[in-house]
């Protein structure tokens, strides 16, 4: 025992150590082994896992949708930029001709609408 004390390998009970509290045996948890509780806990855990899987799938779908929307937005912005660039290159006479064409198209559409309503 003297050799154990010298090497520090001697075991001293908790109650004899300075400031040590006596050991207290833990009481078994009441109902811990109850099969009904275990089934309920497992079912609840399964529901949680299913919920997590559903949320992850939804997150992936939303990320894909976000990616598509960003792609469409970028394409529309490029299209608008190209159109504005072409519009800047138009001369006054080109703009007048364009407005006349639009006016003629509107007049034809109005005439077709009047004819359709008169026959109907």
Protein backbone atom coordinates (compact mmCIF):
# COMPACT_ATOMS: atom_id res chain seq x y z
CA UNK A 1 0.00 0.00 0.00
CA UNK A 2 2.90 2.33 0.67
CA UNK A 3 4.03 1.79 -2.92
CA UNK A 4 0.53 2.62 -4.17
CA UNK A 5 0.50 5.87 -2.23
CA UNK A 6 3.94 6.80 -3.53
CA UNK A 7 2.92 6.24 -7.15
CA UNK A 8 -0.48 7.84 -6.71
CA UNK A 9 -2.35 4.80 -7.91
CA UNK A 10 -4.09 4.03 -4.67
CA UNK A 11 -7.82 4.40 -4.82
CA UNK A 12 -9.44 6.39 -2.08
CA UNK A 13 -13.20 6.06 -1.61
CA UNK A 14 -15.22 9.18 -2.53
CA UNK A 15 -16.40 9.60 1.06
CA UNK A 16 -12.82 9.73 2.38
CA UNK A 17 -11.58 12.30 -0.14
CA UNK A 18 -11.41 15.85 1.11
CA UNK A 19 -14.57 17.73 0.13
CA UNK A 20 -15.99 14.60 -1.45
CA UNK A 21 -19.64 13.82 -1.27
CA UNK A 22 -20.84 10.32 -0.51
CA UNK A 23 -21.88 8.29 -3.53
CA UNK A 24 -25.61 8.07 -4.14
CA UNK A 25 -27.06 5.23 -6.17
CA UNK A 26 -29.39 6.41 -8.92
CA UNK A 27 -32.93 5.15 -8.71
CA UNK A 28 -34.29 3.55 -11.86
CA UNK A 29 -36.50 5.86 -13.91
CA UNK A 30 -40.10 4.89 -13.49
CA UNK A 31 -41.75 3.84 -16.77
CA UNK A 32 -38.55 3.96 -18.82
CA UNK A 33 -38.99 0.40 -20.03
CA UNK A 34 -42.72 0.74 -20.65
CA UNK A 35 -43.35 -0.55 -24.21
CA UNK A 36 -46.18 1.93 -24.84
CA UNK A 37 -43.89 4.85 -24.11
CA UNK A 38 -41.16 3.38 -26.28
CA UNK A 39 -43.60 2.93 -29.21
CA UNK A 40 -44.85 6.49 -28.82
CA UNK A 41 -41.31 7.84 -28.73
CA UNK A 42 -40.37 5.84 -31.82
CA UNK A 43 -43.48 7.01 -33.67
CA UNK A 44 -42.76 10.61 -32.70
CA UNK A 45 -39.17 10.18 -33.86
CA UNK A 46 -40.34 8.71 -37.16
CA UNK A 47 -42.72 11.66 -37.63
CA UNK A 48 -39.90 14.08 -36.96
CA UNK A 49 -37.59 12.32 -39.41
CA UNK A 50 -40.32 12.32 -42.05
CA UNK A 51 -40.95 16.00 -41.42
CA UNK A 52 -37.24 16.77 -41.78
CA UNK A 53 -37.07 14.79 -45.04
CA UNK A 54 -40.12 16.65 -46.37
CA UNK A 55 -38.61 20.01 -45.48
CA UNK A 56 -35.32 19.12 -47.16
CA UNK A 57 -37.15 18.04 -50.32
CA UNK A 58 -39.16 21.26 -50.28
CA UNK A 59 -35.96 23.25 -49.80
CA UNK A 60 -34.41 21.58 -52.85
CA UNK A 61 -37.51 22.33 -54.93
CA UNK A 62 -37.48 25.97 -53.85
CA UNK A 63 -33.79 26.29 -54.68
CA UNK A 64 -34.45 24.87 -58.15
CA UNK A 65 -37.34 27.32 -58.64
CA UNK A 66 -35.16 30.19 -57.45
CA UNK A 67 -32.48 29.18 -59.93
CA UNK A 68 -35.02 29.10 -62.79
CA UNK A 69 -36.44 32.50 -61.87
CA UNK A 70 -32.96 34.00 -61.67
CA UNK A 71 -32.16 32.56 -65.11
CA UNK A 72 -35.38 33.96 -66.63
CA UNK A 73 -34.76 37.35 -65.03
CA UNK A 74 -31.23 37.48 -66.40
CA UNK A 75 -32.46 36.55 -69.90
CA UNK A 76 -35.20 39.21 -69.80
CA UNK A 77 -32.72 41.85 -68.66
CA UNK A 78 -30.40 40.92 -71.54
CA UNK A 79 -33.33 41.05 -73.97
CA UNK A 80 -34.35 44.48 -72.69
CA UNK A 81 -30.80 45.71 -73.01
CA UNK A 82 -30.56 44.47 -76.60
CA UNK A 83 -33.88 46.12 -77.50
CA UNK A 84 -32.85 49.42 -75.93
CA UNK A 85 -29.56 49.30 -77.79
CA UNK A 86 -31.40 48.76 -81.09
CA UNK A 87 -33.93 51.47 -80.24
CA UNK A 88 -31.12 54.00 -79.70
CA UNK A 89 -29.91 53.29 -83.22
CA UNK A 90 -33.29 54.20 -84.79
CA UNK A 91 -33.60 57.50 -86.61
CA UNK A 92 -36.53 59.89 -86.37
CA UNK A 93 -37.92 58.71 -89.70
CA UNK A 94 -37.70 55.08 -88.49
CA UNK A 95 -39.69 55.99 -85.36
CA UNK A 96 -42.36 57.79 -87.39
CA UNK A 97 -42.69 54.77 -89.69
CA UNK A 98 -42.98 52.48 -86.67
CA UNK A 99 -45.73 54.60 -85.12
CA UNK A 100 -47.65 54.60 -88.44
CA UNK A 101 -47.40 50.79 -88.64
CA UNK A 102 -48.71 50.46 -85.10
CA UNK A 103 -51.56 52.85 -85.85
CA UNK A 104 -52.49 50.89 -88.96
CA UNK A 105 -52.44 47.61 -87.00
CA UNK A 106 -54.66 49.12 -84.31
CA UNK A 107 -57.11 50.41 -86.93
CA UNK A 108 -57.31 46.95 -88.54
CA UNK A 109 -57.89 45.30 -85.16
CA UNK A 110 -60.66 47.78 -84.33
CA UNK A 111 -62.31 47.19 -87.71
CA UNK A 112 -62.23 43.41 -87.17
CA UNK A 113 -63.71 43.84 -83.69
CA UNK A 114 -66.58 45.98 -85.02
CA UNK A 115 -67.29 43.49 -87.82
CA UNK A 116 -67.31 40.58 -85.38
CA UNK A 117 -69.68 42.31 -82.97
CA UNK A 118 -72.05 43.35 -85.78
CA UNK A 119 -72.34 39.80 -87.11
CA UNK A 120 -72.65 38.25 -83.64
